[in-house]
Amino acid sequence: MKRTILLFLLLSLLLVACGEEDPLPTAVSPVGSNEQADDALAPPVVSDDPIVLPTETAVPITPTPDIPLAARVNSEPLPLAVFEAELVRYEQAVAELGSVAEDDSYKTEVLNALIEQLLIRQAAAAQGVVITDEMVNQAMDALQNRAGSAENFAAWLEANQYTEEEIRNEAAYGLILEQMVTAVTADVPLAVEQVHARYLQVDDLNLANTLLAQLQSGSEFASLAQIHSLDRVTGENGGDLGFFATGTLLVPEVEAAAFALTEPGSVSPVITAVNAEGTPIYYLVQLIERDPQRLLDAGARAVLLQEAFETWLDGLWQAATIERIVEVSSGS
């Protein structure tokens, strides 16, 4: 869930940065604008050195020891009141969607999202990211402009149970997040090696071996895919997957088999994978062509950008010392 809430934040960030004029959404944390001076928003260089927080950072003021806490993240307190306020907003958002939580696992998910936000703030502070009051003011102005008027913005804050201080904190975090996403994903290329391949999918091993023998005897792959493939979407076009890069297919076994083929027209051995239900599924893959340096389409590059950022986030989690104080369900 921490990833899900983060994606909400990223989406809101992109909408504001691009100057969308749609009405403000409800119960989703808004974040900052991209309309600051170039020097102020120059992305930091992400270091591999361990994170050591400087004495003065952009991290919110540490609460006094007697304030009840939800957690400590690398010794930094996460106030219980912050967690409880975020729970209320999350529950409101779920209710507005007409959904009902099946259990209390969402509380763990919300807590994880807040912990992750602190981890990102700490990493940004360690890398020297500074968010000024002027930058936050510009972000707030952008949010108010989206609302249409100061009155509408005030009504939106009230409806979503935000104080002005809380929304300024979210706007500052959005600006921090923007810089860290830019820095962490800076090395994701625009063009990479890609292959163009076909595949077919069956749930019977004997059928898979029979189809492989037919292909080795000269049968046309596209025709067999149209007749036999369980994936009717690609089966109708002969199993054509188009061009794709490593890390972008949903079935990694198929991706690996396609990249292992070297000669156009060559066919893989029978590939075994297990679906979400735990049932074996069998694949055959044919290489059509290979391009050593092909531009990524928007969808494929988005996958690689997300993978790069999540890998970095996983590193933050693994290196962190986290003490969970509030009692919530274990969740998933």
Protein backbone atom coordinates (compact mmCIF):
# COMPACT_ATOMS: atom_id res chain seq x y z
CA MET A 1 0.00 0.00 0.00
CA LYS A 2 2.87 2.38 0.69
CA ARG A 3 3.60 2.23 -3.04
CA THR A 4 -0.08 2.91 -3.84
CA ILE A 5 -0.21 6.07 -1.74
CA LEU A 6 3.09 7.18 -3.18
CA LEU A 7 1.65 6.75 -6.68
CA PHE A 8 -1.24 9.02 -5.67
CA LEU A 9 1.32 11.60 -4.61
CA LEU A 10 3.26 11.27 -7.84
CA LEU A 11 0.10 11.59 -9.93
CA SER A 12 -0.95 14.73 -8.06
CA LEU A 13 2.56 16.13 -8.47
CA LEU A 14 2.48 15.62 -12.22
CA LEU A 15 -0.96 17.20 -12.53
CA VAL A 16 0.13 20.34 -10.72
CA ALA A 17 3.46 20.56 -12.52
CA CYS A 18 1.74 20.32 -15.89
CA GLY A 19 -0.78 23.03 -14.99
CA GLU A 20 -3.93 20.90 -15.20
CA GLU A 21 -7.10 22.90 -14.61
CA ASP A 22 -9.33 20.03 -13.41
CA PRO A 23 -11.11 20.49 -10.07
CA LEU A 24 -9.13 19.44 -7.04
CA PRO A 25 -9.62 15.75 -6.18
CA THR A 26 -10.92 14.75 -2.78
CA ALA A 27 -8.98 12.96 -0.07
CA VAL A 28 -5.74 12.75 -2.05
CA SER A 29 -2.63 14.51 -0.78
CA PRO A 30 -1.78 17.41 -3.14
CA VAL A 31 1.85 18.27 -3.75
CA GLY A 32 3.99 21.00 -5.19
CA SER A 33 4.35 22.91 -8.43
CA ASN A 34 7.17 22.68 -10.94
CA GLU A 35 7.23 26.44 -11.51
CA GLN A 36 10.34 27.35 -9.51
CA ALA A 37 13.67 28.78 -10.55
CA ASP A 38 15.84 26.29 -12.45
CA ASP A 39 18.71 26.61 -9.98
CA ALA A 40 16.47 25.82 -7.03
CA LEU A 41 15.09 22.70 -8.71
CA ALA A 42 18.34 21.34 -10.10
CA PRO A 43 18.16 17.65 -9.14
CA PRO A 44 20.61 16.46 -6.51
CA VAL A 45 23.18 13.79 -7.24
CA VAL A 46 22.16 10.68 -5.37
CA SER A 47 25.07 9.28 -3.40
CA ASP A 48 25.64 5.64 -2.49
CA ASP A 49 27.06 6.73 0.88
CA PRO A 50 25.04 5.89 4.02
CA ILE A 51 22.46 8.51 4.92
CA VAL A 52 23.66 10.79 7.75
CA LEU A 53 21.29 13.61 8.56
CA PRO A 54 22.90 17.05 8.93
CA THR A 55 22.16 19.18 11.98
CA GLU A 56 19.83 21.49 10.03
CA THR A 57 17.63 19.81 7.44
CA ALA A 58 14.35 20.30 5.65
CA VAL A 59 12.80 17.58 7.82
CA PRO A 60 9.86 18.87 9.92
CA ILE A 61 10.58 20.07 13.46
CA THR A 62 11.11 17.21 15.91
CA PRO A 63 8.27 17.04 18.44
CA THR A 64 8.94 17.21 22.15
CA PRO A 65 9.46 13.82 23.84
CA ASP A 66 6.07 13.84 25.60
CA ILE A 67 4.10 13.89 22.32
CA PRO A 68 2.57 10.44 21.64
CA LEU A 69 4.29 8.71 18.73
CA ALA A 70 3.20 6.28 16.03
CA ALA A 71 6.77 5.30 15.13
CA ARG A 72 10.41 6.33 15.07
CA VAL A 73 12.21 6.29 11.74
CA ASN A 74 16.00 6.40 12.03
CA SER A 75 15.40 7.94 15.48
CA GLU A 76 13.12 10.64 14.05
CA PRO A 77 9.68 10.69 15.71
CA LEU A 78 6.50 10.23 13.70
CA PRO A 79 3.73 11.83 15.83
CA LEU A 80 0.64 9.76 16.52
CA ALA A 81 -1.54 12.76 15.61
CA VAL A 82 -0.07 12.78 12.09
CA PHE A 83 -0.89 9.09 11.68
CA GLU A 84 -4.42 9.50 13.02
CA ALA A 85 -5.13 12.47 10.74
CA GLU A 86 -3.94 10.51 7.71
CA LEU A 87 -6.12 7.55 8.73
CA VAL A 88 -9.17 9.81 8.82
CA ARG A 89 -8.42 11.15 5.33
CA TYR A 90 -7.85 7.65 3.98
CA GLU A 91 -11.09 6.35 5.50
CA GLN A 92 -12.94 9.32 4.02
CA ALA A 93 -11.49 8.61 0.57
CA VAL A 94 -12.52 4.96 0.77
CA ALA A 95 -16.03 5.94 1.86
CA GLU A 96 -16.37 8.41 -1.01
CA LEU A 97 -15.48 5.60 -3.42
CA GLY A 98 -18.32 3.56 -1.97
CA SER A 99 -15.96 0.93 -0.57
CA VAL A 100 -15.72 -0.66 2.86
CA ALA A 101 -12.46 -1.87 4.38
CA GLU A 102 -12.56 -5.64 4.94
CA ASP A 103 -10.21 -5.44 7.94
CA ASP A 104 -7.78 -3.12 9.70
CA SER A 105 -4.83 -3.92 7.43
CA TYR A 106 -5.18 -0.50 5.79
CA LYS A 107 -3.91 1.06 9.02
CA THR A 108 -0.57 -0.67 8.52
CA GLU A 109 -0.56 0.49 4.92
CA VAL A 110 -1.16 4.11 5.92
CA LEU A 111 1.56 3.89 8.57
CA ASN A 112 3.96 2.44 5.99
CA ALA A 113 3.20 5.32 3.65
CA LEU A 114 4.04 7.87 6.34
CA ILE A 115 7.23 6.00 7.25
CA GLU A 116 8.23 5.98 3.60
CA GLN A 117 7.58 9.70 3.34
CA LEU A 118 9.94 10.27 6.27
CA LEU A 119 12.58 8.05 4.66
CA ILE A 120 12.41 10.10 1.47
CA ARG A 121 12.61 13.37 3.40
CA GLN A 122 15.63 12.10 5.31
CA ALA A 123 17.38 10.96 2.13
CA ALA A 124 16.70 14.32 0.50
CA ALA A 125 18.07 16.18 3.52
CA ALA A 126 21.20 14.02 3.48
CA GLN A 127 21.67 14.88 -0.20
CA GLY A 128 21.35 18.60 0.49
CA VAL A 129 17.89 19.18 -0.97
CA VAL A 130 16.51 22.49 0.30
CA ILE A 131 12.91 23.62 -0.16
CA THR A 132 12.43 27.33 0.47
CA ASP A 133 9.33 29.15 1.72
CA GLU A 134 9.12 30.87 -1.67
CA MET A 135 8.96 27.51 -3.45
CA VAL A 136 6.23 26.29 -1.12
CA ASN A 137 4.31 29.54 -1.56
CA GLN A 138 4.38 29.08 -5.33
CA ALA A 139 3.13 25.52 -4.93
CA MET A 140 0.32 26.71 -2.69
CA ASP A 141 -0.60 29.40 -5.20
CA ALA A 142 -0.77 26.75 -7.91
CA LEU A 143 -3.12 24.62 -5.80
CA GLN A 144 -5.33 27.61 -5.08
CA ASN A 145 -5.42 28.47 -8.78
CA ARG A 146 -6.58 24.95 -9.55
CA ALA A 147 -9.38 25.36 -7.03
CA GLY A 148 -10.51 28.53 -8.81
CA SER A 149 -10.55 30.85 -5.81
CA ALA A 150 -9.32 31.20 -2.25
CA GLU A 151 -12.83 30.35 -1.03
CA ASN A 152 -12.95 27.14 -3.06
CA PHE A 153 -9.50 26.16 -1.81
CA ALA A 154 -10.52 26.77 1.80
CA ALA A 155 -13.63 24.64 1.24
CA TRP A 156 -11.49 21.88 -0.27
CA LEU A 157 -9.15 21.95 2.74
CA GLU A 158 -12.09 21.70 5.11
CA ALA A 159 -13.71 18.89 3.13
CA ASN A 160 -10.48 16.90 3.17
CA GLN A 161 -9.71 17.77 6.80
CA TYR A 162 -6.42 19.55 6.12
CA THR A 163 -5.10 22.48 8.11
CA GLU A 164 -3.07 25.07 6.22
CA GLU A 165 0.06 23.89 8.02
CA GLU A 166 -0.60 20.29 6.97
CA ILE A 167 -1.17 21.20 3.33
CA ARG A 168 1.98 23.34 3.27
CA ASN A 169 3.87 20.34 4.62
CA GLU A 170 2.41 18.17 1.84
CA ALA A 171 3.35 20.80 -0.75
CA ALA A 172 6.92 20.87 0.56
CA TYR A 173 7.07 17.09 0.44
CA GLY A 174 5.82 17.14 -3.14
CA LEU A 175 8.71 19.39 -4.12
CA ILE A 176 11.18 17.14 -2.29
CA LEU A 177 9.70 14.07 -3.97
CA GLU A 178 9.90 15.70 -7.38
CA GLN A 179 13.61 16.36 -6.99
CA MET A 180 14.37 12.90 -5.65
CA VAL A 181 12.41 11.16 -8.41
CA THR A 182 14.31 13.20 -10.98
CA ALA A 183 17.67 12.43 -9.37
CA VAL A 184 17.08 8.73 -8.75
CA THR A 185 15.79 8.07 -12.28
CA ALA A 186 18.31 10.29 -14.08
CA ASP A 187 20.20 7.28 -15.47
CA VAL A 188 17.14 5.56 -16.95
CA PRO A 189 17.89 5.71 -20.70
CA LEU A 190 15.65 6.95 -23.47
CA ALA A 191 16.72 4.14 -25.80
CA VAL A 192 17.75 0.54 -25.06
CA GLU A 193 18.12 -2.82 -26.78
CA GLN A 194 14.69 -4.23 -27.62
CA VAL A 195 13.39 -7.35 -29.30
CA HIS A 196 10.31 -7.89 -31.42
CA ALA A 197 8.78 -11.29 -30.72
CA ARG A 198 5.69 -13.49 -30.90
CA TYR A 199 4.46 -15.93 -28.31
CA LEU A 200 1.71 -18.45 -27.69
CA GLN A 201 0.36 -19.71 -24.40
CA VAL A 202 -1.22 -23.07 -23.58
CA ASP A 203 -2.04 -24.97 -20.38
CA ASP A 204 -1.18 -28.46 -21.64
CA LEU A 205 2.44 -29.64 -21.80
CA ASN A 206 1.73 -32.30 -24.42
CA LEU A 207 0.09 -29.68 -26.64
CA ALA A 208 3.05 -27.35 -26.15
CA ASN A 209 5.48 -30.09 -27.21
CA THR A 210 3.30 -30.95 -30.21
CA LEU A 211 3.20 -27.30 -31.31
CA LEU A 212 6.98 -27.02 -30.91
CA ALA A 213 7.44 -30.06 -33.15
CA GLN A 214 5.14 -28.49 -35.76
CA LEU A 215 7.12 -25.26 -35.67
CA GLN A 216 10.37 -27.17 -36.07
CA SER A 217 8.81 -28.85 -39.10
CA GLY A 218 8.04 -25.52 -40.72
CA SER A 219 4.56 -24.58 -39.49
CA GLU A 220 3.82 -20.86 -39.24
CA PHE A 221 4.01 -19.52 -35.70
CA ALA A 222 1.34 -16.83 -36.17
CA SER A 223 -1.20 -19.36 -37.44
CA LEU A 224 -0.64 -21.71 -34.52
CA ALA A 225 -0.95 -18.81 -32.08
CA GLN A 226 -4.26 -17.77 -33.63
CA ILE A 227 -5.61 -21.30 -33.26
CA HIS A 228 -4.20 -22.45 -29.94
CA SER A 229 -3.05 -19.52 -27.76
CA LEU A 230 -5.01 -18.96 -24.55
CA ASP A 231 -4.19 -15.26 -24.77
CA ARG A 232 -6.87 -14.28 -27.26
CA VAL A 233 -5.82 -10.61 -27.33
CA THR A 234 -2.40 -11.32 -28.80
CA GLY A 235 -3.53 -14.62 -30.30
CA GLU A 236 -5.74 -12.82 -32.78
CA ASN A 237 -2.71 -11.03 -34.21
CA GLY A 238 -0.54 -14.12 -34.24
CA GLY A 239 0.86 -13.61 -30.77
CA ASP A 240 2.74 -10.45 -31.77
CA LEU A 241 4.18 -8.74 -28.68
CA GLY A 242 5.71 -5.84 -30.60
CA PHE A 243 9.04 -4.44 -29.44
CA PHE A 244 9.87 -4.62 -25.74
CA ALA A 245 12.83 -4.03 -23.43
CA THR A 246 14.04 -6.11 -20.51
CA GLY A 247 12.01 -5.54 -17.38
CA THR A 248 8.79 -4.59 -19.17
CA LEU A 249 6.92 -7.87 -19.79
CA LEU A 250 4.54 -9.27 -17.19
CA VAL A 251 5.93 -12.80 -17.64
CA PRO A 252 9.70 -12.63 -17.07
CA GLU A 253 10.21 -16.18 -18.39
CA VAL A 254 8.83 -15.12 -21.78
CA GLU A 255 10.98 -12.01 -21.78
CA ALA A 256 14.12 -13.96 -20.93
CA ALA A 257 13.41 -16.52 -23.65
CA ALA A 258 12.91 -13.82 -26.27
CA PHE A 259 16.19 -12.11 -25.42
CA ALA A 260 18.02 -15.45 -25.40
CA LEU A 261 17.12 -16.05 -29.07
CA THR A 262 19.65 -14.70 -31.55
CA GLU A 263 18.39 -15.55 -35.04
CA PRO A 264 15.22 -13.97 -36.48
CA GLY A 265 12.62 -16.69 -36.91
CA SER A 266 14.13 -18.96 -34.25
CA VAL A 267 11.82 -20.52 -31.66
CA SER A 268 12.43 -21.16 -27.98
CA PRO A 269 12.03 -24.51 -26.23
CA VAL A 270 8.83 -24.97 -24.25
CA ILE A 271 8.88 -22.48 -21.36
CA THR A 272 7.12 -23.27 -18.08
CA ALA A 273 5.78 -20.57 -15.80
CA VAL A 274 3.25 -20.52 -12.96
CA ASN A 275 0.23 -18.22 -13.03
CA ALA A 276 -1.35 -16.37 -10.08
CA GLU A 277 -3.41 -19.46 -9.17
CA GLY A 278 -0.29 -21.64 -9.02
CA THR A 279 -1.13 -23.48 -12.23
CA PRO A 280 1.67 -24.27 -14.72
CA ILE A 281 1.37 -22.42 -18.04
CA TYR A 282 3.47 -23.25 -21.10
CA TYR A 283 4.84 -20.82 -23.66
CA LEU A 284 6.61 -20.81 -26.99
CA VAL A 285 8.40 -17.70 -28.20
CA GLN A 286 9.64 -16.70 -31.66
CA LEU A 287 12.11 -13.89 -32.31
CA ILE A 288 11.12 -11.60 -35.18
CA GLU A 289 13.85 -8.95 -34.99
CA ARG A 290 16.24 -7.24 -32.61
CA ASP A 291 17.09 -3.53 -32.34
CA PRO A 292 20.21 -2.75 -30.28
CA GLN A 293 19.19 0.88 -29.60
CA ARG A 294 15.48 1.60 -29.91
CA LEU A 295 13.62 4.49 -28.29
CA LEU A 296 11.38 3.42 -25.45
CA ASP A 297 7.71 4.24 -25.79
CA ALA A 298 6.11 6.17 -22.93
CA GLY A 299 4.64 3.09 -21.28
CA ALA A 300 7.85 1.07 -21.34
CA ARG A 301 9.94 3.95 -20.01
CA ALA A 302 7.41 4.55 -17.25
CA VAL A 303 7.89 0.94 -16.15
CA LEU A 304 11.67 1.38 -16.04
CA LEU A 305 11.37 4.71 -14.20
CA GLN A 306 9.11 3.12 -11.60
CA GLU A 307 11.45 0.15 -11.21
CA ALA A 308 14.45 2.44 -10.70
CA PHE A 309 12.64 4.50 -8.07
CA GLU A 310 11.25 1.47 -6.24
CA THR A 311 14.69 -0.14 -6.15
CA TRP A 312 16.01 3.02 -4.51
CA LEU A 313 13.10 3.05 -2.06
CA ASP A 314 13.70 -0.59 -1.17
CA GLY A 315 17.27 0.35 -0.33
CA LEU A 316 16.02 3.05 2.05
CA TRP A 317 13.74 0.58 3.80
CA GLN A 318 16.44 -2.05 4.14
CA ALA A 319 18.94 0.40 5.61
CA ALA A 320 16.47 2.05 8.00
CA THR A 321 15.97 1.51 11.71
CA ILE A 322 12.23 1.62 12.26
CA GLU A 323 10.43 1.33 15.60
CA ARG A 324 6.66 0.92 15.28
CA ILE A 325 5.00 2.18 18.45
CA VAL A 326 1.32 2.32 17.60
CA GLU A 327 -0.47 -1.04 17.50
CA VAL A 328 -1.95 -1.82 14.09
CA SER A 329 -2.77 -5.03 12.24
CA SER A 330 0.05 -6.83 10.43
CA GLY A 331 -1.43 -6.08 6.98
CA SER A 332 0.32 -7.14 3.81
